[in-house]
Amino acid sequence: MGYNGIQLKNSISIGKVYSIHYFEYMSTFSFKGESHDFWEFICVDKGDVSITAGLRTIDLKKGEIAFHEPNEFHNVRATGDTAPNLVVVSFECNSRAMHFFRQKVLKVDDAERNLLAKIIAEARHCFDCRLDDPYLQNMPQKKEEAFGSEQLIRLYLEQFLIHLARRYESKGKTAFAAVSSNTKATKARSDLDIYSRVTEYMETHPDSKLTIEQICRDNLVSRSHLQKIFKQQCNLGIIEYFSHMKIRLAKEMIRTQHMNFTQISEALGYASIHYFSRQFKKITGMTPSEYASSIKAMSEQDFKES
C-alpha cells in the first residue's frame, strides 16, 4: 500500500519584507506620514504614541499593536509624556486571512512579544544596516547571512500573525479551532508568567541594588529554576538582565530630556556618574553623551516619504 502525501496549505503567506525596525524615539518625536502599497504594523514596546490610520486617530500604549493596510495613510508622534520604543515591520501579504487585521488595534501577549524579538534578532543576522535608522527605506542584505535567517524571518512573521488571529478569533468563538493544552504547553506558559512577573518586579525597583537571593525570595521561585528561565527567554543572567534593563531606562530618560546624566545616575541607583557612564558604554557601545547626540540628531530630522 503506497503512502499518500499531504500538501500542507498556507493560511498566511508573506512575500517581500520591506522593513524591520526597532526605534527608540525622543518624547518630542513626530513623523509627518506616508502611504504605500504593502502592509505595516506598529507595536509599542515602551511608552505611548498617537497614530493616524486613514481617517482615524488612535492612542497606542505599551503592548498594543496597530495594522495599516496597503495604501492607508499613516503617521505617528510621541505624546510628549514618555520617550517611546516602537517595533515597525512592513511586508507584502496577499492572503485572504489578512482581512482580519484591517483597522485592528490588538494587544500582544508574551508569546507574540517573543516572536517579535526573534524577528528582530534574525534581521540583525541578515541585513547589513542599522535597525534603528528611521530614514532607511531599503535594507541591504549581508553578503554572508546566518544560515536560514531570511526563512526564519518569514516563518516567525507568519507565526506571529497566525498566533494573533487565532487568539483573537478564539475569543470571539469564530473561525479558528482552539488548540488543546498539554503538560508541556502549560509549563511553558507558567515559565513565561514567572519571567514576566520577575521582569516587572525589576522594573519597579530600578534604583535598588537587587541580589539574586532577594529577587527569588520576593517572587517565590528557586534560584536554579529562575536562572534556567532567564537563560531560555533572553540568554542573559538575572543580574545581567537587570543591568541591561537599567540602561534601557537610562536611554529612555536621556531621550525624554527631563534629567541630566547625574540625576539619571542617581535615579537608577548607581554609586557614581563615572560608574554609570562605564556601564552605559559597556552595554550600548556609546557614552551617555554620544547616545544623546545621536538620538537628538535623529529626532530633529523629518522622515522622507516613500
C-alpha atoms as a PDB file:
ATOM      1  CA  MET A   1       0.000   0.000   0.000  1.00  0.00           C
ATOM      2  CA  GLY A   2       1.510   3.327  -1.087  1.00  0.00           C
ATOM      3  CA  TYR A   3       1.766   6.455   1.008  1.00  0.00           C
ATOM      4  CA  ASN A   4      -0.347   9.465   0.083  1.00  0.00           C
ATOM      5  CA  GLY A   5       1.435  12.671   0.940  1.00  0.00           C
ATOM      6  CA  ILE A   6      -0.479  15.714   2.149  1.00  0.00           C
ATOM      7  CA  GLN A   7       0.208  19.078   0.584  1.00  0.00           C
ATOM      8  CA  LEU A   8       0.088  21.494   3.515  1.00  0.00           C
ATOM      9  CA  LYS A   9      -1.770  24.701   2.773  1.00  0.00           C
ATOM     10  CA  ASN A  10      -0.768  28.183   3.887  1.00  0.00           C
ATOM     11  CA  SER A  11      -3.263  30.344   5.750  1.00  0.00           C
ATOM     12  CA  ILE A  12      -0.937  33.380   5.685  1.00  0.00           C
ATOM     13  CA  SER A  13       1.993  33.680   3.270  1.00  0.00           C
ATOM     14  CA  ILE A  14       4.490  36.528   3.444  1.00  0.00           C
ATOM     15  CA  GLY A  15       6.055  37.688   0.185  1.00  0.00           C
ATOM     16  CA  LYS A  16       8.531  40.552   0.418  1.00  0.00           C
ATOM     17  CA  VAL A  17       9.658  42.225   3.630  1.00  0.00           C
ATOM     18  CA  TYR A  18      10.264  45.951   3.251  1.00  0.00           C
ATOM     19  CA  SER A  19      11.383  46.986   6.722  1.00  0.00           C
ATOM     20  CA  ILE A  20      12.083  45.604  10.172  1.00  0.00           C
ATOM     21  CA  HIS A  21      12.850  48.331  12.662  1.00  0.00           C
ATOM     22  CA  TYR A  22      13.181  48.852  16.402  1.00  0.00           C
ATOM     23  CA  PHE A  23      13.109  52.582  17.148  1.00  0.00           C
ATOM     24  CA  GLU A  24      13.923  54.453  20.351  1.00  0.00           C
ATOM     25  CA  TYR A  25      12.461  57.929  19.970  1.00  0.00           C
ATOM     26  CA  MET A  26      12.597  61.224  21.814  1.00  0.00           C
ATOM     27  CA  SER A  27       9.439  62.312  23.655  1.00  0.00           C
ATOM     28  CA  THR A  28       9.113  65.121  21.065  1.00  0.00           C
ATOM     29  CA  PHE A  29       9.269  62.815  18.030  1.00  0.00           C
ATOM     30  CA  SER A  30       6.831  63.284  15.158  1.00  0.00           C
ATOM     31  CA  PHE A  31       6.631  61.564  11.732  1.00  0.00           C
ATOM     32  CA  LYS A  32       4.556  63.502   9.196  1.00  0.00           C
ATOM     33  CA  GLY A  33       3.190  60.413   7.490  1.00  0.00           C
ATOM     34  CA  GLU A  34       3.198  58.261   4.360  1.00  0.00           C
ATOM     35  CA  SER A  35       1.278  55.589   2.480  1.00  0.00           C
ATOM     36  CA  HIS A  36       2.496  52.581   0.467  1.00  0.00           C
ATOM     37  CA  ASP A  37       1.083  49.531  -1.276  1.00  0.00           C
ATOM     38  CA  PHE A  38       2.006  46.963   1.374  1.00  0.00           C
ATOM     39  CA  TRP A  39       1.075  46.122   4.967  1.00  0.00           C
ATOM     40  CA  GLU A  40       2.719  47.654   8.027  1.00  0.00           C
ATOM     41  CA  PHE A  41       2.250  47.237  11.758  1.00  0.00           C
ATOM     42  CA  ILE A  42       3.489  49.319  14.656  1.00  0.00           C
ATOM     43  CA  CYS A  43       3.856  47.801  18.126  1.00  0.00           C
ATOM     44  CA  VAL A  44       4.637  49.866  21.235  1.00  0.00           C
ATOM     45  CA  ASP A  45       7.305  48.242  23.396  1.00  0.00           C
ATOM     46  CA  LYS A  46       7.671  51.219  25.745  1.00  0.00           C
ATOM     47  CA  GLY A  47       5.743  54.401  26.428  1.00  0.00           C
ATOM     48  CA  ASP A  48       2.818  55.535  24.288  1.00  0.00           C
ATOM     49  CA  VAL A  49       2.212  57.238  20.939  1.00  0.00           C
ATOM     50  CA  SER A  50      -0.586  58.710  18.875  1.00  0.00           C
ATOM     51  CA  ILE A  51      -1.052  57.462  15.323  1.00  0.00           C
ATOM     52  CA  THR A  52      -3.177  58.323  12.326  1.00  0.00           C
ATOM     53  CA  ALA A  53      -4.620  55.406  10.350  1.00  0.00           C
ATOM     54  CA  GLY A  54      -6.618  56.713   7.416  1.00  0.00           C
ATOM     55  CA  LEU A  55      -9.244  58.992   8.954  1.00  0.00           C
ATOM     56  CA  ARG A  56      -8.800  57.595  12.469  1.00  0.00           C
ATOM     57  CA  THR A  57      -6.597  58.925  15.265  1.00  0.00           C
ATOM     58  CA  ILE A  58      -5.552  56.254  17.765  1.00  0.00           C
ATOM     59  CA  ASP A  59      -3.622  56.342  21.027  1.00  0.00           C
ATOM     60  CA  LEU A  60      -1.374  53.303  21.435  1.00  0.00           C
ATOM     61  CA  LYS A  61       0.090  52.186  24.767  1.00  0.00           C
ATOM     62  CA  LYS A  62       2.745  49.666  25.746  1.00  0.00           C
ATOM     63  CA  GLY A  63       1.954  46.212  24.380  1.00  0.00           C
ATOM     64  CA  GLU A  64      -0.554  47.412  21.772  1.00  0.00           C
ATOM     65  CA  ILE A  65      -0.205  46.897  18.028  1.00  0.00           C
ATOM     66  CA  ALA A  66      -1.956  48.634  15.122  1.00  0.00           C
ATOM     67  CA  PHE A  67      -2.107  47.478  11.493  1.00  0.00           C
ATOM     68  CA  HIS A  68      -2.026  49.701   8.417  1.00  0.00           C
ATOM     69  CA  GLU A  69      -3.438  48.065   5.311  1.00  0.00           C
ATOM     70  CA  PRO A  70      -1.968  48.813   1.855  1.00  0.00           C
ATOM     71  CA  ASN A  71      -2.386  52.409   0.631  1.00  0.00           C
ATOM     72  CA  GLU A  72      -3.650  53.625   4.018  1.00  0.00           C
ATOM     73  CA  PHE A  73      -2.135  56.949   5.049  1.00  0.00           C
ATOM     74  CA  HIS A  74      -0.475  56.719   8.482  1.00  0.00           C
ATOM     75  CA  ASN A  75       1.715  58.761  10.771  1.00  0.00           C
ATOM     76  CA  VAL A  76       2.975  58.592  14.343  1.00  0.00           C
ATOM     77  CA  ARG A  77       4.019  61.013  17.051  1.00  0.00           C
ATOM     78  CA  ALA A  78       5.114  60.748  20.643  1.00  0.00           C
ATOM     79  CA  THR A  79       2.603  62.117  23.140  1.00  0.00           C
ATOM     80  CA  GLY A  80       5.261  64.132  24.964  1.00  0.00           C
ATOM     81  CA  ASP A  81       4.920  62.227  28.230  1.00  0.00           C
ATOM     82  CA  THR A  82       7.440  59.444  27.583  1.00  0.00           C
ATOM     83  CA  ALA A  83      10.139  58.554  25.060  1.00  0.00           C
ATOM     84  CA  PRO A  84       8.614  55.609  23.164  1.00  0.00           C
ATOM     85  CA  ASN A  85      10.205  52.404  21.861  1.00  0.00           C
ATOM     86  CA  LEU A  86       8.494  51.026  18.753  1.00  0.00           C
ATOM     87  CA  VAL A  87       8.663  47.919  16.590  1.00  0.00           C
ATOM     88  CA  VAL A  88       7.721  48.661  12.972  1.00  0.00           C
ATOM     89  CA  VAL A  89       7.512  45.916  10.332  1.00  0.00           C
ATOM     90  CA  SER A  90       6.247  46.298   6.764  1.00  0.00           C
ATOM     91  CA  PHE A  91       5.636  43.420   4.393  1.00  0.00           C
ATOM     92  CA  GLU A  92       3.778  42.093   1.364  1.00  0.00           C
ATOM     93  CA  CYS A  93       0.934  39.675   2.008  1.00  0.00           C
ATOM     94  CA  ASN A  94      -1.989  38.923  -0.300  1.00  0.00           C
ATOM     95  CA  SER A  95      -3.575  36.177   1.811  1.00  0.00           C
ATOM     96  CA  ARG A  96      -7.328  36.485   2.401  1.00  0.00           C
ATOM     97  CA  ALA A  97      -6.757  35.992   6.140  1.00  0.00           C
ATOM     98  CA  MET A  98      -5.194  39.485   6.297  1.00  0.00           C
ATOM     99  CA  HIS A  99      -8.743  40.903   6.174  1.00  0.00           C
ATOM    100  CA  PHE A 100      -8.840  40.072   9.883  1.00  0.00           C
ATOM    101  CA  PHE A 101      -6.219  42.750  10.586  1.00  0.00           C
ATOM    102  CA  ARG A 102      -7.942  45.621   8.771  1.00  0.00           C
ATOM    103  CA  GLN A 103      -8.445  48.584  11.120  1.00  0.00           C
ATOM    104  CA  LYS A 104      -7.354  46.427  14.069  1.00  0.00           C
ATOM    105  CA  VAL A 105      -5.680  47.535  17.300  1.00  0.00           C
ATOM    106  CA  LEU A 106      -4.712  44.492  19.353  1.00  0.00           C
ATOM    107  CA  LYS A 107      -2.761  43.610  22.486  1.00  0.00           C
ATOM    108  CA  VAL A 108       0.258  41.311  22.106  1.00  0.00           C
ATOM    109  CA  ASP A 109       0.892  38.541  24.633  1.00  0.00           C
ATOM    110  CA  ASP A 110       4.220  37.126  25.846  1.00  0.00           C
ATOM    111  CA  ALA A 111       4.435  34.524  23.088  1.00  0.00           C
ATOM    112  CA  GLU A 112       3.905  37.197  20.437  1.00  0.00           C
ATOM    113  CA  ARG A 113       6.469  39.502  22.072  1.00  0.00           C
ATOM    114  CA  ASN A 114       8.968  36.636  21.901  1.00  0.00           C
ATOM    115  CA  LEU A 115       8.233  36.157  18.209  1.00  0.00           C
ATOM    116  CA  LEU A 116       8.818  39.873  17.550  1.00  0.00           C
ATOM    117  CA  ALA A 117      12.123  39.644  19.417  1.00  0.00           C
ATOM    118  CA  LYS A 118      13.126  36.668  17.249  1.00  0.00           C
ATOM    119  CA  ILE A 119      12.256  38.582  14.072  1.00  0.00           C
ATOM    120  CA  ILE A 120      14.452  41.486  15.141  1.00  0.00           C
ATOM    121  CA  ALA A 121      17.300  39.156  16.164  1.00  0.00           C
ATOM    122  CA  GLU A 122      17.228  37.375  12.778  1.00  0.00           C
ATOM    123  CA  ALA A 123      17.082  40.720  10.959  1.00  0.00           C
ATOM    124  CA  ARG A 124      20.410  41.614  12.553  1.00  0.00           C
ATOM    125  CA  HIS A 125      21.841  38.395  11.105  1.00  0.00           C
ATOM    126  CA  CYS A 126      20.823  39.002   7.503  1.00  0.00           C
ATOM    127  CA  PHE A 127      20.566  42.771   6.910  1.00  0.00           C
ATOM    128  CA  ASP A 128      23.648  44.953   6.620  1.00  0.00           C
ATOM    129  CA  CYS A 129      22.204  48.080   8.200  1.00  0.00           C
ATOM    130  CA  ARG A 130      21.055  49.569  11.466  1.00  0.00           C
ATOM    131  CA  LEU A 131      17.553  48.641  12.566  1.00  0.00           C
ATOM    132  CA  ASP A 132      17.053  51.973  14.346  1.00  0.00           C
ATOM    133  CA  ASP A 133      17.544  54.259  11.342  1.00  0.00           C
ATOM    134  CA  PRO A 134      14.160  55.901  10.622  1.00  0.00           C
ATOM    135  CA  TYR A 135      15.309  57.278   7.265  1.00  0.00           C
ATOM    136  CA  LEU A 136      16.263  53.905   5.808  1.00  0.00           C
ATOM    137  CA  GLN A 137      13.874  52.789   3.061  1.00  0.00           C
ATOM    138  CA  ASN A 138      15.851  49.836   1.719  1.00  0.00           C
ATOM    139  CA  MET A 139      17.510  47.126   3.813  1.00  0.00           C
ATOM    140  CA  PRO A 140      20.668  45.799   2.104  1.00  0.00           C
ATOM    141  CA  GLN A 141      21.326  42.121   2.676  1.00  0.00           C
ATOM    142  CA  LYS A 142      24.581  40.854   4.134  1.00  0.00           C
ATOM    143  CA  LYS A 143      26.842  39.001   1.753  1.00  0.00           C
ATOM    144  CA  GLU A 144      27.077  36.147   4.230  1.00  0.00           C
ATOM    145  CA  GLU A 145      23.933  35.875   6.295  1.00  0.00           C
ATOM    146  CA  ALA A 146      23.427  33.362   9.091  1.00  0.00           C
ATOM    147  CA  PHE A 147      22.058  30.105   7.694  1.00  0.00           C
ATOM    148  CA  GLY A 148      18.286  30.254   7.366  1.00  0.00           C
ATOM    149  CA  SER A 149      17.856  33.833   8.659  1.00  0.00           C
ATOM    150  CA  GLU A 150      15.633  35.053   5.832  1.00  0.00           C
ATOM    151  CA  GLN A 151      13.440  31.974   6.012  1.00  0.00           C
ATOM    152  CA  LEU A 152      13.162  32.263   9.793  1.00  0.00           C
ATOM    153  CA  ILE A 153      12.062  35.895   9.488  1.00  0.00           C
ATOM    154  CA  ARG A 154       9.258  34.827   7.155  1.00  0.00           C
ATOM    155  CA  LEU A 155       8.276  31.881   9.355  1.00  0.00           C
ATOM    156  CA  TYR A 156       8.344  33.905  12.596  1.00  0.00           C
ATOM    157  CA  LEU A 157       6.332  36.696  10.967  1.00  0.00           C
ATOM    158  CA  GLU A 158       3.737  34.255   9.617  1.00  0.00           C
ATOM    159  CA  GLN A 159       3.584  32.534  13.003  1.00  0.00           C
ATOM    160  CA  PHE A 160       3.166  35.909  14.717  1.00  0.00           C
ATOM    161  CA  LEU A 161       0.213  36.854  12.518  1.00  0.00           C
ATOM    162  CA  ILE A 162      -1.410  33.424  12.796  1.00  0.00           C
ATOM    163  CA  HIS A 163      -0.979  33.418  16.587  1.00  0.00           C
ATOM    164  CA  LEU A 164      -2.601  36.859  16.878  1.00  0.00           C
ATOM    165  CA  ALA A 165      -5.500  35.983  14.581  1.00  0.00           C
ATOM    166  CA  ARG A 166      -6.135  32.595  16.192  1.00  0.00           C
ATOM    167  CA  ARG A 167      -6.028  34.022  19.719  1.00  0.00           C
ATOM    168  CA  TYR A 168      -8.479  36.843  18.969  1.00  0.00           C
ATOM    169  CA  GLU A 169     -10.740  34.725  16.790  1.00  0.00           C
ATOM    170  CA  SER A 170     -10.975  32.073  19.507  1.00  0.00           C
ATOM    171  CA  LYS A 171     -12.011  34.792  21.956  1.00  0.00           C
ATOM    172  CA  GLY A 172     -14.852  35.666  19.615  1.00  0.00           C
ATOM    173  CA  LYS A 173     -15.782  31.984  19.141  1.00  0.00           C
ATOM    174  CA  THR A 174     -15.411  32.193  15.363  1.00  0.00           C
ATOM    175  CA  ALA A 175     -13.415  30.545  12.608  1.00  0.00           C
ATOM    176  CA  PHE A 176     -10.322  29.151  14.283  1.00  0.00           C
ATOM    177  CA  ALA A 177     -10.381  25.984  16.342  1.00  0.00           C
ATOM    178  CA  ALA A 178      -8.975  26.134  19.853  1.00  0.00           C
ATOM    179  CA  VAL A 179      -5.766  24.239  20.468  1.00  0.00           C
ATOM    180  CA  SER A 180      -5.917  21.794  23.345  1.00  0.00           C
ATOM    181  CA  SER A 181      -3.331  22.383  26.047  1.00  0.00           C
ATOM    182  CA  ASN A 182      -0.904  19.774  27.258  1.00  0.00           C
ATOM    183  CA  THR A 183       1.541  19.477  30.143  1.00  0.00           C
ATOM    184  CA  LYS A 184       4.465  20.873  28.180  1.00  0.00           C
ATOM    185  CA  ALA A 185       2.483  23.886  26.975  1.00  0.00           C
ATOM    186  CA  THR A 186       1.193  24.530  30.479  1.00  0.00           C
ATOM    187  CA  LYS A 187       4.723  24.506  31.877  1.00  0.00           C
ATOM    188  CA  ALA A 188       5.885  26.853  29.127  1.00  0.00           C
ATOM    189  CA  ARG A 189       3.102  29.296  29.997  1.00  0.00           C
ATOM    190  CA  SER A 190       4.000  29.012  33.672  1.00  0.00           C
ATOM    191  CA  ASP A 191       7.650  29.827  32.919  1.00  0.00           C
ATOM    192  CA  LEU A 192       6.576  32.810  30.811  1.00  0.00           C
ATOM    193  CA  ASP A 193       4.378  34.010  33.678  1.00  0.00           C
ATOM    194  CA  ILE A 194       7.334  33.791  36.081  1.00  0.00           C
ATOM    195  CA  TYR A 195       9.599  35.572  33.597  1.00  0.00           C
ATOM    196  CA  SER A 196       7.028  38.327  33.096  1.00  0.00           C
ATOM    197  CA  ARG A 197       6.431  38.684  36.848  1.00  0.00           C
ATOM    198  CA  VAL A 198      10.145  38.902  37.682  1.00  0.00           C
ATOM    199  CA  THR A 199      10.955  41.374  34.904  1.00  0.00           C
ATOM    200  CA  GLU A 200       8.059  43.587  36.025  1.00  0.00           C
ATOM    201  CA  TYR A 201       9.369  43.307  39.594  1.00  0.00           C
ATOM    202  CA  MET A 202      12.782  44.534  38.419  1.00  0.00           C
ATOM    203  CA  GLU A 203      11.170  47.417  36.547  1.00  0.00           C
ATOM    204  CA  THR A 204       9.573  48.603  39.803  1.00  0.00           C
ATOM    205  CA  HIS A 205      12.973  48.566  41.588  1.00  0.00           C
ATOM    206  CA  PRO A 206      15.290  50.366  39.125  1.00  0.00           C
ATOM    207  CA  ASP A 207      17.071  52.286  41.908  1.00  0.00           C
ATOM    208  CA  SER A 208      17.765  49.188  44.021  1.00  0.00           C
ATOM    209  CA  LYS A 209      20.886  47.061  44.293  1.00  0.00           C
ATOM    210  CA  LEU A 210      18.988  43.825  43.829  1.00  0.00           C
ATOM    211  CA  THR A 211      20.600  40.454  44.508  1.00  0.00           C
ATOM    212  CA  ILE A 212      19.545  37.114  43.065  1.00  0.00           C
ATOM    213  CA  GLU A 213      18.592  35.960  46.540  1.00  0.00           C
ATOM    214  CA  GLN A 214      16.290  38.930  47.081  1.00  0.00           C
ATOM    215  CA  ILE A 215      14.664  38.534  43.657  1.00  0.00           C
ATOM    216  CA  CYS A 216      14.000  34.830  44.265  1.00  0.00           C
ATOM    217  CA  ARG A 217      12.689  35.413  47.788  1.00  0.00           C
ATOM    218  CA  ASP A 218      10.307  38.192  46.792  1.00  0.00           C
ATOM    219  CA  ASN A 219       8.974  36.233  43.806  1.00  0.00           C
ATOM    220  CA  LEU A 220       8.759  32.801  45.458  1.00  0.00           C
ATOM    221  CA  VAL A 221      10.911  30.983  42.906  1.00  0.00           C
ATOM    222  CA  SER A 222      14.071  28.925  43.273  1.00  0.00           C
ATOM    223  CA  ARG A 223      17.382  30.319  42.084  1.00  0.00           C
ATOM    224  CA  SER A 224      18.171  27.417  39.741  1.00  0.00           C
ATOM    225  CA  HIS A 225      14.712  27.500  38.137  1.00  0.00           C
ATOM    226  CA  LEU A 226      14.814  31.272  37.643  1.00  0.00           C
ATOM    227  CA  GLN A 227      18.296  31.135  36.126  1.00  0.00           C
ATOM    228  CA  LYS A 228      17.089  28.472  33.689  1.00  0.00           C
ATOM    229  CA  ILE A 229      14.053  30.559  32.689  1.00  0.00           C
ATOM    230  CA  PHE A 230      16.152  33.673  32.016  1.00  0.00           C
ATOM    231  CA  LYS A 231      18.664  31.666  30.018  1.00  0.00           C
ATOM    232  CA  GLN A 232      15.841  30.283  27.855  1.00  0.00           C
ATOM    233  CA  GLN A 233      13.944  33.545  27.433  1.00  0.00           C
ATOM    234  CA  CYS A 234      16.701  36.110  26.866  1.00  0.00           C
ATOM    235  CA  ASN A 235      20.038  34.260  27.095  1.00  0.00           C
ATOM    236  CA  LEU A 236      21.120  36.535  29.955  1.00  0.00           C
ATOM    237  CA  GLY A 237      21.815  36.004  33.621  1.00  0.00           C
ATOM    238  CA  ILE A 238      19.332  37.548  36.044  1.00  0.00           C
ATOM    239  CA  ILE A 239      21.586  40.366  37.265  1.00  0.00           C
ATOM    240  CA  GLU A 240      22.907  40.862  33.733  1.00  0.00           C
ATOM    241  CA  TYR A 241      19.304  41.353  32.581  1.00  0.00           C
ATOM    242  CA  PHE A 242      18.755  43.849  35.412  1.00  0.00           C
ATOM    243  CA  SER A 243      21.832  45.819  34.285  1.00  0.00           C
ATOM    244  CA  HIS A 244      20.588  45.907  30.703  1.00  0.00           C
ATOM    245  CA  MET A 245      17.129  46.946  31.893  1.00  0.00           C
ATOM    246  CA  LYS A 246      18.579  49.880  33.861  1.00  0.00           C
ATOM    247  CA  ILE A 247      20.484  51.056  30.819  1.00  0.00           C
ATOM    248  CA  ARG A 248      17.298  50.800  28.711  1.00  0.00           C
ATOM    249  CA  LEU A 249      15.611  53.031  31.280  1.00  0.00           C
ATOM    250  CA  ALA A 250      18.583  55.398  31.183  1.00  0.00           C
ATOM    251  CA  LYS A 251      18.275  55.657  27.396  1.00  0.00           C
ATOM    252  CA  GLU A 252      14.595  56.492  27.740  1.00  0.00           C
ATOM    253  CA  MET A 253      15.368  59.158  30.365  1.00  0.00           C
ATOM    254  CA  ILE A 254      18.030  60.659  28.097  1.00  0.00           C
ATOM    255  CA  ARG A 255      15.576  60.845  25.200  1.00  0.00           C
ATOM    256  CA  THR A 256      12.886  62.377  27.393  1.00  0.00           C
ATOM    257  CA  GLN A 257      15.342  65.172  28.355  1.00  0.00           C
ATOM    258  CA  HIS A 258      13.819  65.773  31.791  1.00  0.00           C
ATOM    259  CA  MET A 259      17.007  64.976  33.752  1.00  0.00           C
ATOM    260  CA  ASN A 260      20.745  65.388  33.327  1.00  0.00           C
ATOM    261  CA  PHE A 261      23.184  62.475  33.462  1.00  0.00           C
ATOM    262  CA  THR A 262      23.899  62.888  37.171  1.00  0.00           C
ATOM    263  CA  GLN A 263      20.207  62.856  38.043  1.00  0.00           C
ATOM    264  CA  ILE A 264      19.639  59.788  35.851  1.00  0.00           C
ATOM    265  CA  SER A 265      22.562  58.027  37.515  1.00  0.00           C
ATOM    266  CA  GLU A 266      21.128  58.721  40.967  1.00  0.00           C
ATOM    267  CA  ALA A 267      17.573  57.747  39.947  1.00  0.00           C
ATOM    268  CA  LEU A 268      18.852  54.361  38.802  1.00  0.00           C
ATOM    269  CA  GLY A 269      20.852  53.688  41.960  1.00  0.00           C
ATOM    270  CA  TYR A 270      24.377  53.947  40.557  1.00  0.00           C
ATOM    271  CA  ALA A 271      27.113  54.713  43.057  1.00  0.00           C
ATOM    272  CA  SER A 272      28.612  57.432  40.848  1.00  0.00           C
ATOM    273  CA  ILE A 273      28.202  59.119  37.495  1.00  0.00           C
ATOM    274  CA  HIS A 274      31.506  57.558  36.423  1.00  0.00           C
ATOM    275  CA  TYR A 275      30.301  54.002  37.106  1.00  0.00           C
ATOM    276  CA  PHE A 276      27.042  54.784  35.322  1.00  0.00           C
ATOM    277  CA  SER A 277      28.957  56.021  32.256  1.00  0.00           C
ATOM    278  CA  ARG A 278      31.167  52.920  32.209  1.00  0.00           C
ATOM    279  CA  GLN A 279      28.146  50.604  32.419  1.00  0.00           C
ATOM    280  CA  PHE A 280      26.315  52.579  29.740  1.00  0.00           C
ATOM    281  CA  LYS A 281      29.232  52.331  27.309  1.00  0.00           C
ATOM    282  CA  LYS A 282      29.796  48.652  28.127  1.00  0.00           C
ATOM    283  CA  ILE A 283      26.231  47.773  27.155  1.00  0.00           C
ATOM    284  CA  THR A 284      25.500  50.263  24.345  1.00  0.00           C
ATOM    285  CA  GLY A 285      28.966  50.887  22.901  1.00  0.00           C
ATOM    286  CA  MET A 286      28.453  54.636  23.399  1.00  0.00           C
ATOM    287  CA  THR A 287      28.870  57.073  26.260  1.00  0.00           C
ATOM    288  CA  PRO A 288      25.678  58.762  27.511  1.00  0.00           C
ATOM    289  CA  SER A 289      26.745  61.952  25.721  1.00  0.00           C
ATOM    290  CA  GLU A 290      27.340  60.125  22.440  1.00  0.00           C
ATOM    291  CA  TYR A 291      23.962  58.404  22.708  1.00  0.00           C
ATOM    292  CA  ALA A 292      22.152  61.665  23.497  1.00  0.00           C
ATOM    293  CA  SER A 293      23.726  63.344  20.488  1.00  0.00           C
ATOM    294  CA  SER A 294      22.914  60.518  18.108  1.00  0.00           C
ATOM    295  CA  ILE A 295      19.262  60.301  19.198  1.00  0.00           C
ATOM    296  CA  LYS A 296      18.911  64.074  19.165  1.00  0.00           C
ATOM    297  CA  ALA A 297      20.292  64.284  15.623  1.00  0.00           C
ATOM    298  CA  MET A 298      17.974  61.503  14.524  1.00  0.00           C
ATOM    299  CA  SER A 299      14.858  63.024  16.056  1.00  0.00           C
ATOM    300  CA  GLU A 300      15.387  66.538  14.717  1.00  0.00           C
ATOM    301  CA  GLN A 301      15.120  65.407  11.108  1.00  0.00           C
ATOM    302  CA  ASP A 302      11.995  64.563   9.188  1.00  0.00           C
ATOM    303  CA  PHE A 303      11.181  61.215   7.660  1.00  0.00           C
ATOM    304  CA  LYS A 304      11.489  61.015   3.916  1.00  0.00           C
ATOM    305  CA  GLU A 305       8.277  59.852   2.343  1.00  0.00           C
ATOM    306  CA  SER A 306       8.458  56.641   0.386  1.00  0.00           C
END
